[in-house]
């Protein structure tokens, strides 16, 4: 019997290893093209992306102009289209068993729908039943409650039937606003400050995707 009827999954650095395998290499290409005098390690990039965030990194720290922001977005999309991130070990069996028991898989992500669909079809052989991506517009993306509210409407559930799994604060804020439970995937990025902050505010802390098996079944 399922304790949570819906898994509302973040995508990048929750299900797939996006930062290490796509975002960071693409960012290095951006630096090479626009700020060749600057170098940055993966750890430092992760720290900036957590706080103050990727866009403040670009705007406030690197001082990218509007034109340069368009260029960096193009560099990232070109890289993402030609480099598919691998998924974290354990997700395939977790999702296969969850769906076999009637569970509904949805994705709430700031990534692009095309990449989410590609990664799910390639890694798992199915498409999520609902995807709430950046193309819907800011007010329909996390941290706003729309994705949870729409899942409740579409699948006739309550927020308490939904478990949000996300490595960043927008997903946490969305869960707290709506009353859904929240799980933090600590396996995805082991920055001590981030792990301490997110774990302290989460209902569950996951050391592996397989840890969900002891959570999602009643």
N, C-alpha and C. Protein backbone atom coordinates (compact mmCIF):
# COMPACT_ATOMS: atom_id res chain seq x y z
N UNK A 1 0.84 -1.19 0.00
CA UNK A 1 0.00 0.00 0.00
C UNK A 1 0.88 1.25 0.00
N UNK A 2 0.51 2.22 -0.82
CA UNK A 2 1.30 3.43 -0.94
C UNK A 2 0.97 4.43 0.17
N UNK A 3 1.99 4.97 0.79
CA UNK A 3 1.81 6.07 1.72
C UNK A 3 1.66 7.38 0.96
N UNK A 4 2.40 7.50 -0.14
CA UNK A 4 2.33 8.68 -1.01
C UNK A 4 1.92 8.23 -2.41
N UNK A 5 0.81 8.79 -2.89
CA UNK A 5 0.29 8.39 -4.20
C UNK A 5 1.05 9.05 -5.35
N UNK A 6 1.70 10.18 -5.08
CA UNK A 6 2.44 10.90 -6.12
C UNK A 6 3.84 11.24 -5.62
N UNK A 7 4.83 10.99 -6.47
CA UNK A 7 6.17 11.51 -6.27
C UNK A 7 6.33 12.73 -7.17
N UNK A 8 6.54 13.89 -6.56
CA UNK A 8 6.78 15.13 -7.30
C UNK A 8 8.29 15.35 -7.31
N UNK A 9 8.93 14.94 -8.38
CA UNK A 9 10.39 14.88 -8.42
C UNK A 9 11.01 16.08 -9.12
N UNK A 10 11.97 16.69 -8.46
CA UNK A 10 12.87 17.59 -9.16
C UNK A 10 13.67 16.75 -10.16
N UNK A 11 14.32 17.39 -11.10
CA UNK A 11 15.06 16.63 -12.11
C UNK A 11 16.57 16.74 -11.93
N UNK A 12 17.10 17.95 -12.12
CA UNK A 12 18.54 18.16 -12.06
C UNK A 12 19.08 17.94 -10.65
N UNK A 13 20.09 17.08 -10.55
CA UNK A 13 20.77 16.80 -9.28
C UNK A 13 19.86 16.17 -8.24
N UNK A 14 18.75 15.63 -8.69
CA UNK A 14 17.88 14.81 -7.86
C UNK A 14 17.71 13.44 -8.49
N UNK A 15 17.36 13.43 -9.77
CA UNK A 15 17.23 12.19 -10.53
C UNK A 15 18.44 11.97 -11.43
N UNK A 16 18.90 13.02 -12.09
CA UNK A 16 20.07 12.90 -12.98
C UNK A 16 21.20 13.81 -12.50
N UNK A 17 22.43 13.45 -12.87
CA UNK A 17 23.64 14.15 -12.43
C UNK A 17 23.93 15.35 -13.34
N UNK A 18 23.02 16.29 -13.35
CA UNK A 18 23.06 17.37 -14.33
C UNK A 18 24.21 18.35 -14.12
N UNK A 19 24.45 18.76 -12.89
CA UNK A 19 25.46 19.79 -12.68
C UNK A 19 26.85 19.30 -13.06
N UNK A 20 27.24 18.16 -12.56
CA UNK A 20 28.59 17.66 -12.83
C UNK A 20 28.79 17.30 -14.29
N UNK A 21 27.73 16.79 -14.95
CA UNK A 21 27.90 16.24 -16.29
C UNK A 21 27.42 17.15 -17.41
N UNK A 22 26.62 18.17 -17.09
CA UNK A 22 26.10 19.07 -18.12
C UNK A 22 26.29 20.55 -17.75
N UNK A 23 25.71 20.98 -16.64
CA UNK A 23 25.70 22.41 -16.32
C UNK A 23 27.09 22.98 -16.11
N UNK A 24 27.92 22.28 -15.36
CA UNK A 24 29.26 22.80 -15.09
C UNK A 24 30.14 22.81 -16.35
N UNK A 25 30.20 21.72 -17.12
CA UNK A 25 30.98 21.79 -18.36
C UNK A 25 30.49 22.87 -19.32
N UNK A 26 29.16 23.05 -19.40
CA UNK A 26 28.61 24.11 -20.26
C UNK A 26 29.00 25.48 -19.71
N UNK A 27 29.02 25.62 -18.39
CA UNK A 27 29.42 26.88 -17.77
C UNK A 27 30.88 27.20 -18.07
N UNK A 28 31.72 26.19 -18.08
CA UNK A 28 33.13 26.41 -18.42
C UNK A 28 33.27 26.91 -19.86
N UNK A 29 32.42 26.42 -20.74
CA UNK A 29 32.43 26.92 -22.11
C UNK A 29 31.99 28.39 -22.15
N UNK A 30 31.02 28.73 -21.30
CA UNK A 30 30.58 30.13 -21.21
C UNK A 30 31.72 31.02 -20.72
N UNK A 31 32.42 30.59 -19.67
CA UNK A 31 33.55 31.35 -19.17
C UNK A 31 34.63 31.52 -20.24
N UNK A 32 34.90 30.45 -20.95
CA UNK A 32 35.92 30.50 -21.99
C UNK A 32 35.57 31.53 -23.06
N UNK A 33 34.26 31.61 -23.37
CA UNK A 33 33.82 32.52 -24.42
C UNK A 33 33.65 33.95 -23.94
N UNK A 34 33.17 34.13 -22.70
CA UNK A 34 32.79 35.46 -22.24
C UNK A 34 33.67 36.03 -21.14
N UNK A 35 34.26 35.17 -20.31
CA UNK A 35 35.12 35.65 -19.22
C UNK A 35 36.37 34.75 -19.14
N UNK A 36 37.20 34.75 -20.18
CA UNK A 36 38.34 33.81 -20.23
C UNK A 36 39.36 34.01 -19.12
N UNK A 37 39.33 35.15 -18.47
CA UNK A 37 40.29 35.41 -17.39
C UNK A 37 39.86 34.76 -16.07
N UNK A 38 38.63 34.19 -16.02
CA UNK A 38 38.09 33.60 -14.80
C UNK A 38 38.07 32.08 -14.90
N UNK A 39 38.51 31.41 -13.86
CA UNK A 39 38.38 29.95 -13.75
C UNK A 39 37.57 29.62 -12.51
N UNK A 40 36.93 28.46 -12.49
CA UNK A 40 36.08 28.11 -11.35
C UNK A 40 36.01 26.60 -11.23
N UNK A 41 36.20 26.08 -10.02
CA UNK A 41 36.11 24.64 -9.78
C UNK A 41 34.65 24.21 -9.69
N UNK A 42 34.42 22.92 -9.81
CA UNK A 42 33.06 22.39 -9.68
C UNK A 42 32.51 22.67 -8.29
N UNK A 43 33.34 22.53 -7.26
CA UNK A 43 32.88 22.78 -5.90
C UNK A 43 32.44 24.23 -5.72
N UNK A 44 33.24 25.16 -6.25
CA UNK A 44 32.89 26.58 -6.14
C UNK A 44 31.63 26.87 -6.93
N UNK A 45 31.50 26.28 -8.10
CA UNK A 45 30.29 26.46 -8.91
C UNK A 45 29.07 25.97 -8.15
N UNK A 46 29.17 24.81 -7.51
CA UNK A 46 28.06 24.28 -6.71
C UNK A 46 27.71 25.22 -5.56
N UNK A 47 28.72 25.77 -4.92
CA UNK A 47 28.47 26.69 -3.80
C UNK A 47 27.73 27.94 -4.28
N UNK A 48 28.14 28.49 -5.41
CA UNK A 48 27.46 29.67 -5.95
C UNK A 48 26.03 29.34 -6.36
N UNK A 49 25.84 28.18 -6.96
CA UNK A 49 24.49 27.81 -7.41
C UNK A 49 23.54 27.63 -6.23
N UNK A 50 24.07 27.17 -5.10
CA UNK A 50 23.23 27.04 -3.91
C UNK A 50 22.94 28.41 -3.31
N UNK A 51 23.96 29.22 -3.20
CA UNK A 51 23.81 30.57 -2.66
C UNK A 51 24.90 31.47 -3.24
N UNK A 52 24.51 32.51 -3.96
CA UNK A 52 23.17 33.13 -4.05
C UNK A 52 22.26 32.54 -5.13
N UNK A 53 22.75 31.60 -5.97
CA UNK A 53 21.96 31.05 -7.06
C UNK A 53 22.65 31.31 -8.40
N UNK A 54 22.23 30.56 -9.42
CA UNK A 54 22.91 30.64 -10.71
C UNK A 54 22.76 32.01 -11.36
N UNK A 55 21.54 32.56 -11.36
CA UNK A 55 21.34 33.84 -12.03
C UNK A 55 22.05 34.99 -11.31
N UNK A 56 22.04 35.04 -9.96
CA UNK A 56 22.88 36.05 -9.31
C UNK A 56 24.37 35.86 -9.60
N UNK A 57 24.80 34.61 -9.73
CA UNK A 57 26.19 34.36 -10.12
C UNK A 57 26.50 35.02 -11.46
N UNK A 58 25.60 34.83 -12.41
CA UNK A 58 25.82 35.41 -13.74
C UNK A 58 25.72 36.93 -13.73
N UNK A 59 24.70 37.43 -13.08
CA UNK A 59 24.42 38.87 -13.13
C UNK A 59 25.28 39.70 -12.18
N UNK A 60 25.36 39.26 -10.92
CA UNK A 60 25.98 40.09 -9.89
C UNK A 60 27.48 39.82 -9.72
N UNK A 61 27.89 38.59 -9.96
CA UNK A 61 29.30 38.25 -9.75
C UNK A 61 30.09 38.32 -11.06
N UNK A 62 29.56 37.69 -12.11
CA UNK A 62 30.25 37.74 -13.40
C UNK A 62 29.89 38.97 -14.22
N UNK A 63 28.81 39.66 -13.83
CA UNK A 63 28.37 40.90 -14.50
C UNK A 63 28.06 40.66 -15.98
N UNK A 64 27.37 39.56 -16.28
CA UNK A 64 26.99 39.30 -17.67
C UNK A 64 25.90 40.28 -18.10
N UNK A 65 26.02 40.79 -19.29
CA UNK A 65 25.02 41.69 -19.84
C UNK A 65 23.83 40.89 -20.37
N UNK A 66 22.77 41.58 -20.77
CA UNK A 66 21.60 40.90 -21.35
C UNK A 66 22.02 40.09 -22.57
N UNK A 67 22.84 40.68 -23.42
CA UNK A 67 23.30 39.98 -24.62
C UNK A 67 24.13 38.76 -24.26
N UNK A 68 24.98 38.90 -23.25
CA UNK A 68 25.80 37.76 -22.82
C UNK A 68 24.95 36.67 -22.16
N UNK A 69 23.88 37.06 -21.49
CA UNK A 69 22.99 36.06 -20.90
C UNK A 69 22.32 35.22 -21.98
N UNK A 70 21.96 35.84 -23.08
CA UNK A 70 21.39 35.11 -24.21
C UNK A 70 22.43 34.14 -24.78
N UNK A 71 23.67 34.60 -24.87
CA UNK A 71 24.74 33.74 -25.38
C UNK A 71 25.00 32.55 -24.46
N UNK A 72 25.01 32.79 -23.14
CA UNK A 72 25.25 31.68 -22.22
C UNK A 72 24.12 30.68 -22.26
N UNK A 73 22.88 31.16 -22.44
CA UNK A 73 21.74 30.24 -22.54
C UNK A 73 21.87 29.37 -23.78
N UNK A 74 22.33 29.96 -24.89
CA UNK A 74 22.54 29.20 -26.11
C UNK A 74 23.63 28.16 -25.96
N UNK A 75 24.72 28.53 -25.27
CA UNK A 75 25.81 27.59 -25.02
C UNK A 75 25.32 26.41 -24.19
N UNK A 76 24.54 26.72 -23.14
CA UNK A 76 24.01 25.66 -22.28
C UNK A 76 23.08 24.72 -23.06
N UNK A 77 22.16 25.29 -23.84
CA UNK A 77 21.21 24.45 -24.56
C UNK A 77 21.91 23.58 -25.59
N UNK A 78 22.89 24.12 -26.28
CA UNK A 78 23.63 23.32 -27.25
C UNK A 78 24.36 22.17 -26.56
N UNK A 79 24.94 22.46 -25.40
CA UNK A 79 25.65 21.41 -24.66
C UNK A 79 24.68 20.36 -24.14
N UNK A 80 23.53 20.82 -23.60
CA UNK A 80 22.54 19.90 -23.04
C UNK A 80 21.94 18.99 -24.10
N UNK A 81 21.82 19.49 -25.31
CA UNK A 81 21.23 18.68 -26.39
C UNK A 81 22.19 17.58 -26.86
N UNK A 82 23.45 17.77 -26.62
CA UNK A 82 24.44 16.80 -27.12
C UNK A 82 25.10 16.00 -26.00
N UNK A 83 24.73 16.26 -24.75
CA UNK A 83 25.30 15.54 -23.61
C UNK A 83 24.17 15.16 -22.65
N UNK A 84 23.91 13.87 -22.53
CA UNK A 84 22.83 13.39 -21.67
C UNK A 84 23.40 12.97 -20.31
N UNK A 85 22.90 13.54 -19.22
CA UNK A 85 23.41 13.16 -17.89
C UNK A 85 22.94 11.76 -17.49
N UNK A 86 23.76 11.06 -16.74
CA UNK A 86 23.37 9.75 -16.22
C UNK A 86 22.49 9.93 -14.99
N UNK A 87 21.69 8.91 -14.67
CA UNK A 87 20.84 9.01 -13.49
C UNK A 87 21.57 8.43 -12.28
N UNK A 88 21.14 8.86 -11.11
CA UNK A 88 21.71 8.32 -9.88
C UNK A 88 21.27 6.87 -9.71
N UNK A 89 22.19 6.04 -9.28
CA UNK A 89 21.93 4.62 -9.11
C UNK A 89 20.80 4.39 -8.12
N UNK A 90 19.87 3.56 -8.49
CA UNK A 90 18.74 3.22 -7.61
C UNK A 90 17.41 3.73 -8.09
N UNK A 91 17.42 4.81 -8.87
CA UNK A 91 16.14 5.38 -9.30
C UNK A 91 15.34 4.43 -10.19
N UNK A 92 16.02 3.69 -11.03
CA UNK A 92 15.30 2.82 -11.97
C UNK A 92 14.45 1.80 -11.24
N UNK A 93 15.02 1.14 -10.24
CA UNK A 93 14.25 0.13 -9.51
C UNK A 93 13.19 0.77 -8.63
N UNK A 94 13.50 1.91 -8.02
CA UNK A 94 12.52 2.61 -7.18
C UNK A 94 11.28 2.98 -7.99
N UNK A 95 11.50 3.59 -9.17
CA UNK A 95 10.37 4.05 -9.98
C UNK A 95 9.62 2.89 -10.62
N UNK A 96 10.33 1.84 -11.00
CA UNK A 96 9.66 0.68 -11.58
C UNK A 96 8.69 0.07 -10.58
N UNK A 97 9.14 -0.14 -9.35
CA UNK A 97 8.29 -0.75 -8.33
C UNK A 97 7.17 0.19 -7.90
N UNK A 98 7.48 1.47 -7.81
CA UNK A 98 6.48 2.46 -7.40
C UNK A 98 5.33 2.50 -8.41
N UNK A 99 5.66 2.55 -9.69
CA UNK A 99 4.63 2.58 -10.73
C UNK A 99 3.86 1.27 -10.78
N UNK A 100 4.53 0.16 -10.53
CA UNK A 100 3.86 -1.14 -10.53
C UNK A 100 2.84 -1.24 -9.42
N UNK A 101 3.03 -0.44 -8.36
CA UNK A 101 2.09 -0.42 -7.23
C UNK A 101 1.07 0.71 -7.34
N UNK A 102 1.00 1.33 -8.51
CA UNK A 102 -0.01 2.35 -8.76
C UNK A 102 0.43 3.77 -8.50
N UNK A 103 1.71 3.98 -8.21
CA UNK A 103 2.21 5.32 -7.94
C UNK A 103 2.28 6.18 -9.19
N UNK A 104 2.12 7.48 -8.99
CA UNK A 104 2.14 8.45 -10.09
C UNK A 104 3.43 9.26 -10.00
N UNK A 105 4.15 9.33 -11.11
CA UNK A 105 5.41 10.08 -11.15
C UNK A 105 5.20 11.39 -11.91
N UNK A 106 5.46 12.50 -11.22
CA UNK A 106 5.41 13.82 -11.83
C UNK A 106 6.76 14.50 -11.66
N UNK A 107 7.04 15.47 -12.51
CA UNK A 107 8.30 16.21 -12.42
C UNK A 107 8.00 17.70 -12.26
N UNK A 108 8.67 18.32 -11.29
CA UNK A 108 8.58 19.76 -11.08
C UNK A 108 10.00 20.30 -11.15
N UNK A 109 10.32 20.98 -12.23
CA UNK A 109 11.72 21.33 -12.49
C UNK A 109 11.84 22.67 -13.20
N UNK A 110 12.98 23.32 -13.01
CA UNK A 110 13.29 24.53 -13.77
C UNK A 110 14.03 24.19 -15.06
N UNK A 111 14.18 22.91 -15.34
CA UNK A 111 14.80 22.48 -16.58
C UNK A 111 13.79 22.55 -17.72
N UNK A 112 14.24 22.17 -18.94
CA UNK A 112 13.37 22.19 -20.11
C UNK A 112 12.67 20.85 -20.30
N UNK A 113 11.42 20.92 -20.73
CA UNK A 113 10.61 19.71 -20.92
C UNK A 113 11.29 18.71 -21.85
N UNK A 114 11.93 19.20 -22.91
CA UNK A 114 12.54 18.29 -23.88
C UNK A 114 13.64 17.44 -23.24
N UNK A 115 14.41 18.03 -22.32
CA UNK A 115 15.48 17.29 -21.67
C UNK A 115 14.93 16.33 -20.63
N UNK A 116 13.88 16.73 -19.93
CA UNK A 116 13.25 15.85 -18.95
C UNK A 116 12.68 14.60 -19.64
N UNK A 117 11.94 14.81 -20.71
CA UNK A 117 11.37 13.68 -21.45
C UNK A 117 12.46 12.77 -22.00
N UNK A 118 13.49 13.36 -22.57
CA UNK A 118 14.60 12.57 -23.11
C UNK A 118 15.25 11.70 -22.02
N UNK A 119 15.50 12.30 -20.87
CA UNK A 119 16.18 11.59 -19.80
C UNK A 119 15.32 10.46 -19.23
N UNK A 120 14.01 10.70 -19.11
CA UNK A 120 13.12 9.66 -18.60
C UNK A 120 12.97 8.51 -19.60
N UNK A 121 12.79 8.84 -20.85
CA UNK A 121 12.65 7.79 -21.87
C UNK A 121 13.92 6.96 -21.97
N UNK A 122 15.07 7.63 -21.89
CA UNK A 122 16.35 6.93 -22.03
C UNK A 122 16.67 6.09 -20.80
N UNK A 123 16.49 6.65 -19.62
CA UNK A 123 16.88 5.96 -18.39
C UNK A 123 15.83 4.99 -17.86
N UNK A 124 14.55 5.33 -18.06
CA UNK A 124 13.49 4.56 -17.40
C UNK A 124 12.47 3.94 -18.36
N UNK A 125 12.42 4.43 -19.59
CA UNK A 125 11.49 3.86 -20.57
C UNK A 125 10.05 4.31 -20.42
N UNK A 126 9.81 5.43 -19.72
CA UNK A 126 8.45 5.96 -19.62
C UNK A 126 8.53 7.48 -19.48
N UNK A 127 7.40 8.14 -19.69
CA UNK A 127 7.32 9.59 -19.51
C UNK A 127 6.53 9.90 -18.24
N UNK A 128 6.93 10.91 -17.47
CA UNK A 128 6.13 11.30 -16.29
C UNK A 128 4.71 11.67 -16.71
N UNK A 129 3.76 11.44 -15.81
CA UNK A 129 2.36 11.73 -16.14
C UNK A 129 2.07 13.22 -16.16
N UNK A 130 2.92 14.00 -15.52
CA UNK A 130 2.80 15.47 -15.58
C UNK A 130 4.18 16.07 -15.41
N UNK A 131 4.45 17.13 -16.18
CA UNK A 131 5.72 17.85 -16.08
C UNK A 131 5.41 19.33 -15.91
N UNK A 132 5.95 19.92 -14.86
CA UNK A 132 5.80 21.34 -14.60
C UNK A 132 7.18 21.97 -14.74
N UNK A 133 7.46 22.49 -15.93
CA UNK A 133 8.79 23.02 -16.23
C UNK A 133 8.73 24.54 -16.37
N UNK A 134 9.88 25.13 -16.66
CA UNK A 134 10.02 26.58 -16.70
C UNK A 134 9.15 27.22 -17.78
N UNK A 135 8.81 26.48 -18.82
CA UNK A 135 8.04 27.06 -19.94
C UNK A 135 6.63 27.46 -19.53
N UNK A 136 6.14 26.96 -18.40
CA UNK A 136 4.80 27.31 -17.95
C UNK A 136 4.71 28.75 -17.45
N UNK A 137 5.87 29.34 -17.17
CA UNK A 137 5.88 30.70 -16.62
C UNK A 137 6.18 30.68 -15.14
N UNK A 138 6.72 31.79 -14.64
CA UNK A 138 7.22 31.85 -13.27
C UNK A 138 6.17 31.47 -12.23
N UNK A 139 4.95 31.98 -12.35
CA UNK A 139 3.93 31.77 -11.32
C UNK A 139 3.38 30.33 -11.29
N UNK A 140 3.72 29.54 -12.31
CA UNK A 140 3.30 28.14 -12.33
C UNK A 140 4.45 27.19 -12.06
N UNK A 141 5.56 27.75 -11.61
CA UNK A 141 6.74 26.96 -11.27
C UNK A 141 6.98 27.04 -9.76
N UNK A 142 7.70 26.06 -9.21
CA UNK A 142 8.15 26.18 -7.83
C UNK A 142 8.99 27.45 -7.69
N UNK A 143 8.90 28.14 -6.57
CA UNK A 143 8.28 27.76 -5.30
C UNK A 143 6.78 28.03 -5.19
N UNK A 144 6.17 28.50 -6.27
CA UNK A 144 4.72 28.75 -6.22
C UNK A 144 3.96 27.42 -6.10
N UNK A 145 2.76 27.43 -5.53
CA UNK A 145 2.05 26.18 -5.23
C UNK A 145 1.35 25.55 -6.42
N UNK A 146 1.31 26.21 -7.57
CA UNK A 146 0.54 25.71 -8.71
C UNK A 146 0.80 24.24 -9.04
N UNK A 147 2.06 23.77 -9.12
CA UNK A 147 2.26 22.36 -9.49
C UNK A 147 1.54 21.39 -8.56
N UNK A 148 1.61 21.64 -7.25
CA UNK A 148 0.93 20.75 -6.29
C UNK A 148 -0.58 20.87 -6.43
N UNK A 149 -1.06 22.09 -6.55
CA UNK A 149 -2.51 22.30 -6.69
C UNK A 149 -3.04 21.62 -7.95
N UNK A 150 -2.29 21.69 -9.03
CA UNK A 150 -2.72 21.07 -10.29
C UNK A 150 -2.67 19.55 -10.20
N UNK A 151 -1.69 19.00 -9.52
CA UNK A 151 -1.65 17.55 -9.32
C UNK A 151 -2.87 17.09 -8.54
N UNK A 152 -3.22 17.85 -7.50
CA UNK A 152 -4.40 17.50 -6.70
C UNK A 152 -5.66 17.51 -7.55
N UNK A 153 -5.79 18.53 -8.39
CA UNK A 153 -6.96 18.63 -9.26
C UNK A 153 -6.98 17.53 -10.30
N UNK A 154 -5.85 17.30 -10.93
CA UNK A 154 -5.79 16.37 -12.05
C UNK A 154 -5.92 14.91 -11.62
N UNK A 155 -5.34 14.58 -10.46
CA UNK A 155 -5.31 13.17 -10.05
C UNK A 155 -6.19 12.88 -8.83
N UNK A 156 -6.99 13.86 -8.42
CA UNK A 156 -7.94 13.68 -7.31
C UNK A 156 -7.25 13.19 -6.04
N UNK A 157 -6.22 13.92 -5.62
CA UNK A 157 -5.51 13.62 -4.38
C UNK A 157 -5.46 14.88 -3.53
N UNK A 158 -4.89 14.75 -2.34
CA UNK A 158 -4.66 15.92 -1.48
C UNK A 158 -3.15 16.16 -1.40
N UNK A 159 -2.73 17.34 -0.95
CA UNK A 159 -1.29 17.59 -0.79
C UNK A 159 -0.60 16.57 0.10
N UNK A 160 -1.32 15.99 1.05
CA UNK A 160 -0.73 15.00 1.95
C UNK A 160 -0.43 13.68 1.24
N UNK A 161 -0.98 13.50 0.05
CA UNK A 161 -0.71 12.31 -0.75
C UNK A 161 0.54 12.45 -1.61
N UNK A 162 1.19 13.62 -1.53
CA UNK A 162 2.30 13.95 -2.43
C UNK A 162 3.60 14.08 -1.64
N UNK A 163 4.64 13.43 -2.13
CA UNK A 163 5.98 13.59 -1.57
C UNK A 163 6.84 14.34 -2.58
N UNK A 164 7.33 15.50 -2.19
CA UNK A 164 8.23 16.30 -3.03
C UNK A 164 9.67 15.88 -2.74
N UNK A 165 10.43 15.60 -3.78
CA UNK A 165 11.85 15.26 -3.64
C UNK A 165 12.65 16.29 -4.42
N UNK A 166 13.47 17.07 -3.74
CA UNK A 166 14.16 18.19 -4.39
C UNK A 166 15.43 18.53 -3.62
N UNK A 167 16.47 18.95 -4.34
CA UNK A 167 17.73 19.28 -3.68
C UNK A 167 17.89 20.76 -3.39
N UNK A 168 16.89 21.58 -3.74
CA UNK A 168 17.03 23.02 -3.55
C UNK A 168 15.80 23.61 -2.84
N UNK A 169 15.96 24.85 -2.37
CA UNK A 169 14.91 25.47 -1.54
C UNK A 169 13.60 25.78 -2.27
N UNK A 170 13.56 26.06 -3.59
CA UNK A 170 12.25 26.30 -4.21
C UNK A 170 11.29 25.12 -4.05
N UNK A 171 11.80 23.90 -4.17
CA UNK A 171 10.95 22.73 -3.96
C UNK A 171 10.51 22.60 -2.52
N UNK A 172 11.43 22.91 -1.60
CA UNK A 172 11.09 22.89 -0.17
C UNK A 172 10.01 23.91 0.15
N UNK A 173 10.14 25.12 -0.37
CA UNK A 173 9.15 26.17 -0.12
C UNK A 173 7.79 25.77 -0.69
N UNK A 174 7.77 25.16 -1.88
CA UNK A 174 6.52 24.71 -2.48
C UNK A 174 5.84 23.67 -1.60
N UNK A 175 6.62 22.72 -1.09
CA UNK A 175 6.06 21.68 -0.23
C UNK A 175 5.51 22.28 1.06
N UNK A 176 6.26 23.19 1.66
CA UNK A 176 5.82 23.77 2.93
C UNK A 176 4.57 24.64 2.74
N UNK A 177 4.49 25.34 1.63
CA UNK A 177 3.33 26.20 1.36
C UNK A 177 2.05 25.38 1.20
N UNK A 178 2.16 24.21 0.59
CA UNK A 178 0.99 23.40 0.28
C UNK A 178 0.67 22.34 1.32
N UNK A 179 1.63 22.02 2.18
CA UNK A 179 1.41 20.97 3.18
C UNK A 179 1.83 19.60 2.73
N UNK A 180 2.56 19.51 1.62
CA UNK A 180 3.08 18.22 1.17
C UNK A 180 4.34 17.87 1.96
N UNK A 181 4.66 16.59 2.00
CA UNK A 181 5.90 16.15 2.64
C UNK A 181 7.08 16.42 1.73
N UNK A 182 8.28 16.48 2.33
CA UNK A 182 9.46 16.85 1.56
C UNK A 182 10.63 15.94 1.92
N UNK A 183 11.34 15.47 0.89
CA UNK A 183 12.54 14.66 1.07
C UNK A 183 13.71 15.34 0.37
N UNK A 184 14.81 15.44 1.07
CA UNK A 184 16.03 16.07 0.53
C UNK A 184 17.02 15.00 0.09
N UNK A 185 17.43 14.97 -1.17
CA UNK A 185 18.39 13.98 -1.67
C UNK A 185 19.83 14.38 -1.34
N UNK A 186 20.29 14.04 -0.15
CA UNK A 186 21.62 14.45 0.30
C UNK A 186 22.73 13.80 -0.52
N UNK A 187 22.41 12.71 -1.22
CA UNK A 187 23.40 12.02 -2.04
C UNK A 187 23.83 12.85 -3.25
N UNK A 188 23.03 13.84 -3.64
CA UNK A 188 23.26 14.53 -4.91
C UNK A 188 24.37 15.56 -4.83
N UNK A 189 24.51 16.20 -3.71
CA UNK A 189 25.48 17.28 -3.60
C UNK A 189 25.83 17.43 -2.13
N UNK A 190 27.04 17.10 -1.78
CA UNK A 190 27.39 16.98 -0.37
C UNK A 190 28.09 18.22 0.20
N UNK A 191 27.65 19.40 -0.21
CA UNK A 191 28.15 20.62 0.42
C UNK A 191 27.67 20.64 1.87
N UNK A 192 28.58 20.74 2.84
CA UNK A 192 28.17 20.66 4.26
C UNK A 192 27.11 21.68 4.65
N UNK A 193 27.27 22.94 4.20
CA UNK A 193 26.31 23.99 4.56
C UNK A 193 24.93 23.68 3.99
N UNK A 194 24.91 23.25 2.74
CA UNK A 194 23.64 22.93 2.09
C UNK A 194 22.97 21.73 2.76
N UNK A 195 23.74 20.68 3.02
CA UNK A 195 23.18 19.48 3.63
C UNK A 195 22.60 19.78 5.00
N UNK A 196 23.31 20.57 5.78
CA UNK A 196 22.84 20.90 7.13
C UNK A 196 21.55 21.71 7.07
N UNK A 197 21.51 22.72 6.19
CA UNK A 197 20.33 23.58 6.09
C UNK A 197 19.12 22.81 5.58
N UNK A 198 19.30 22.05 4.49
CA UNK A 198 18.17 21.35 3.88
C UNK A 198 17.68 20.21 4.76
N UNK A 199 18.60 19.46 5.35
CA UNK A 199 18.20 18.33 6.20
C UNK A 199 17.40 18.80 7.41
N UNK A 200 17.79 19.94 7.97
CA UNK A 200 17.11 20.45 9.16
C UNK A 200 15.66 20.82 8.88
N UNK A 201 15.34 21.14 7.63
CA UNK A 201 13.99 21.58 7.28
C UNK A 201 13.17 20.51 6.56
N UNK A 202 13.76 19.35 6.34
CA UNK A 202 13.09 18.31 5.56
C UNK A 202 12.41 17.29 6.46
N UNK A 203 11.40 16.63 5.91
CA UNK A 203 10.77 15.52 6.61
C UNK A 203 11.64 14.27 6.54
N UNK A 204 12.35 14.13 5.41
CA UNK A 204 13.22 12.98 5.21
C UNK A 204 14.52 13.45 4.54
N UNK A 205 15.62 12.80 4.89
CA UNK A 205 16.90 13.02 4.22
C UNK A 205 17.33 11.71 3.59
N UNK A 206 17.59 11.73 2.31
CA UNK A 206 17.90 10.51 1.56
C UNK A 206 19.40 10.39 1.31
N UNK A 207 19.98 9.29 1.74
CA UNK A 207 21.38 9.02 1.44
C UNK A 207 21.55 8.27 0.13
N UNK A 208 20.42 7.82 -0.43
CA UNK A 208 20.39 7.12 -1.71
C UNK A 208 18.95 7.14 -2.20
N UNK A 209 18.71 7.10 -3.51
CA UNK A 209 17.33 6.96 -3.99
C UNK A 209 16.63 5.75 -3.39
N UNK A 210 17.39 4.69 -3.12
CA UNK A 210 16.79 3.47 -2.56
C UNK A 210 16.17 3.69 -1.19
N UNK A 211 16.60 4.75 -0.49
CA UNK A 211 16.02 5.06 0.82
C UNK A 211 14.54 5.39 0.72
N UNK A 212 14.07 5.75 -0.47
CA UNK A 212 12.64 6.05 -0.66
C UNK A 212 11.77 4.82 -0.40
N UNK A 213 12.32 3.64 -0.60
CA UNK A 213 11.52 2.43 -0.43
C UNK A 213 10.98 2.27 0.99
N UNK A 214 11.67 2.81 1.95
CA UNK A 214 11.19 2.72 3.34
C UNK A 214 10.28 3.88 3.72
N UNK A 215 10.03 4.78 2.77
CA UNK A 215 9.24 5.98 3.02
C UNK A 215 7.91 5.97 2.27
N UNK A 216 7.91 5.54 1.02
CA UNK A 216 6.74 5.72 0.16
C UNK A 216 5.68 4.64 0.34
N UNK A 217 6.00 3.56 1.08
CA UNK A 217 5.01 2.51 1.30
C UNK A 217 4.54 2.52 2.74
N UNK A 218 3.22 2.43 2.90
CA UNK A 218 2.64 2.44 4.25
C UNK A 218 2.86 1.08 4.91
